Amino acid sequence: MVLPNMDFYFFQLAHLVEMEVKHRCNQILELGFPLGGLAKLFAQDWEGDVTVVMPATLAQVYVPTKH
């Protein structure tokens, strides 16, 4: 007897819960309830990595080339 990979089912369940939370937050925003900040956070359309870039100073940008 082969047991199913439980990790697969765990990730499927986690994805289902995530999609349900996003759906409910979108409904809260559409209905206009005053939970805007938290609901906006969970109802955002995009996902992914965030790149943080520190502001560069002129001394860092201007590096004279040596020949």
C-alpha atoms as a PDB file:
ATOM      1  CA  MET A   1       0.000   0.000   0.000  1.00  0.00           C
ATOM      2  CA  VAL A   2       1.403   3.380  -1.025  1.00  0.00           C
ATOM      3  CA  LEU A   3       0.664   6.302   1.270  1.00  0.00           C
ATOM      4  CA  PRO A   4      -0.018   9.667  -0.389  1.00  0.00           C
ATOM      5  CA  ASN A   5       2.485  12.440   0.025  1.00  0.00           C
ATOM      6  CA  MET A   6       1.049  14.489   2.916  1.00  0.00           C
ATOM      7  CA  ASP A   7       3.094  17.578   1.974  1.00  0.00           C
ATOM      8  CA  PHE A   8       1.115  17.855  -1.252  1.00  0.00           C
ATOM      9  CA  TYR A   9      -2.190  17.892   0.630  1.00  0.00           C
ATOM     10  CA  PHE A  10      -0.873  20.358   3.205  1.00  0.00           C
ATOM     11  CA  PHE A  11       0.177  22.828   0.503  1.00  0.00           C
ATOM     12  CA  GLN A  12      -3.123  22.395  -1.317  1.00  0.00           C
ATOM     13  CA  LEU A  13      -4.995  23.160   1.913  1.00  0.00           C
ATOM     14  CA  ALA A  14      -2.772  26.171   2.631  1.00  0.00           C
ATOM     15  CA  HIS A  15      -3.418  27.508  -0.876  1.00  0.00           C
ATOM     16  CA  LEU A  16      -7.165  27.025  -0.437  1.00  0.00           C
ATOM     17  CA  VAL A  17      -7.127  28.920   2.876  1.00  0.00           C
ATOM     18  CA  GLU A  18      -5.059  31.744   1.330  1.00  0.00           C
ATOM     19  CA  MET A  19      -7.464  32.114  -1.594  1.00  0.00           C
ATOM     20  CA  GLU A  20     -10.453  32.119   0.768  1.00  0.00           C
ATOM     21  CA  VAL A  21      -8.938  34.871   2.942  1.00  0.00           C
ATOM     22  CA  LYS A  22      -8.218  36.980  -0.146  1.00  0.00           C
ATOM     23  CA  HIS A  23     -11.763  36.447  -1.408  1.00  0.00           C
ATOM     24  CA  ARG A  24     -13.321  37.464   1.919  1.00  0.00           C
ATOM     25  CA  CYS A  25     -11.096  40.557   2.150  1.00  0.00           C
ATOM     26  CA  ASN A  26     -12.153  41.583  -1.361  1.00  0.00           C
ATOM     27  CA  GLN A  27     -15.782  41.217  -0.289  1.00  0.00           C
ATOM     28  CA  ILE A  28     -15.150  43.384   2.794  1.00  0.00           C
ATOM     29  CA  LEU A  29     -13.605  46.086   0.600  1.00  0.00           C
ATOM     30  CA  GLU A  30     -16.475  45.955  -1.900  1.00  0.00           C
ATOM     31  CA  LEU A  31     -19.068  46.260   0.871  1.00  0.00           C
ATOM     32  CA  GLY A  32     -17.257  49.244   2.375  1.00  0.00           C
ATOM     33  CA  PHE A  33     -16.671  48.000   5.909  1.00  0.00           C
ATOM     34  CA  PRO A  34     -14.144  50.079   7.905  1.00  0.00           C
ATOM     35  CA  LEU A  35     -11.441  47.384   7.954  1.00  0.00           C
ATOM     36  CA  GLY A  36      -9.708  48.932   4.980  1.00  0.00           C
ATOM     37  CA  GLY A  37      -6.062  48.713   6.051  1.00  0.00           C
ATOM     38  CA  LEU A  38      -6.005  45.046   6.955  1.00  0.00           C
ATOM     39  CA  ALA A  39      -8.370  44.027   4.179  1.00  0.00           C
ATOM     40  CA  LYS A  40      -6.296  45.933   1.596  1.00  0.00           C
ATOM     41  CA  LEU A  41      -3.199  44.104   2.739  1.00  0.00           C
ATOM     42  CA  PHE A  42      -4.722  40.666   2.252  1.00  0.00           C
ATOM     43  CA  ALA A  43      -6.759  41.517  -0.859  1.00  0.00           C
ATOM     44  CA  GLN A  44      -3.897  42.778  -2.997  1.00  0.00           C
ATOM     45  CA  ASP A  45      -3.761  41.314  -6.495  1.00  0.00           C
ATOM     46  CA  TRP A  46      -0.014  40.846  -6.798  1.00  0.00           C
ATOM     47  CA  GLU A  47       2.407  38.594  -4.985  1.00  0.00           C
ATOM     48  CA  GLY A  48       6.129  38.130  -5.158  1.00  0.00           C
ATOM     49  CA  ASP A  49       9.446  39.389  -3.970  1.00  0.00           C
ATOM     50  CA  VAL A  50      10.067  42.940  -2.859  1.00  0.00           C
ATOM     51  CA  THR A  51      13.270  44.662  -3.885  1.00  0.00           C
ATOM     52  CA  VAL A  52      14.500  47.430  -1.589  1.00  0.00           C
ATOM     53  CA  VAL A  53      17.016  49.837  -3.090  1.00  0.00           C
ATOM     54  CA  MET A  54      18.864  52.297  -0.910  1.00  0.00           C
ATOM     55  CA  PRO A  55      19.252  55.823  -2.326  1.00  0.00           C
ATOM     56  CA  ALA A  56      22.666  56.362  -3.868  1.00  0.00           C
ATOM     57  CA  THR A  57      24.838  59.379  -3.139  1.00  0.00           C
ATOM     58  CA  LEU A  58      26.780  61.260  -5.779  1.00  0.00           C
ATOM     59  CA  ALA A  59      30.043  59.869  -4.393  1.00  0.00           C
ATOM     60  CA  GLN A  60      28.782  56.318  -4.904  1.00  0.00           C
ATOM     61  CA  VAL A  61      27.570  57.001  -8.431  1.00  0.00           C
ATOM     62  CA  TYR A  62      30.589  58.944  -9.657  1.00  0.00           C
ATOM     63  CA  VAL A  63      33.530  56.588  -9.685  1.00  0.00           C
ATOM     64  CA  PRO A  64      36.327  57.835 -11.953  1.00  0.00           C
ATOM     65  CA  THR A  65      37.604  55.214 -14.335  1.00  0.00           C
ATOM     66  CA  LYS A  66      41.314  54.397 -14.259  1.00  0.00           C
ATOM     67  CA  HIS A  67      43.084  53.755 -17.543  1.00  0.00           C
END
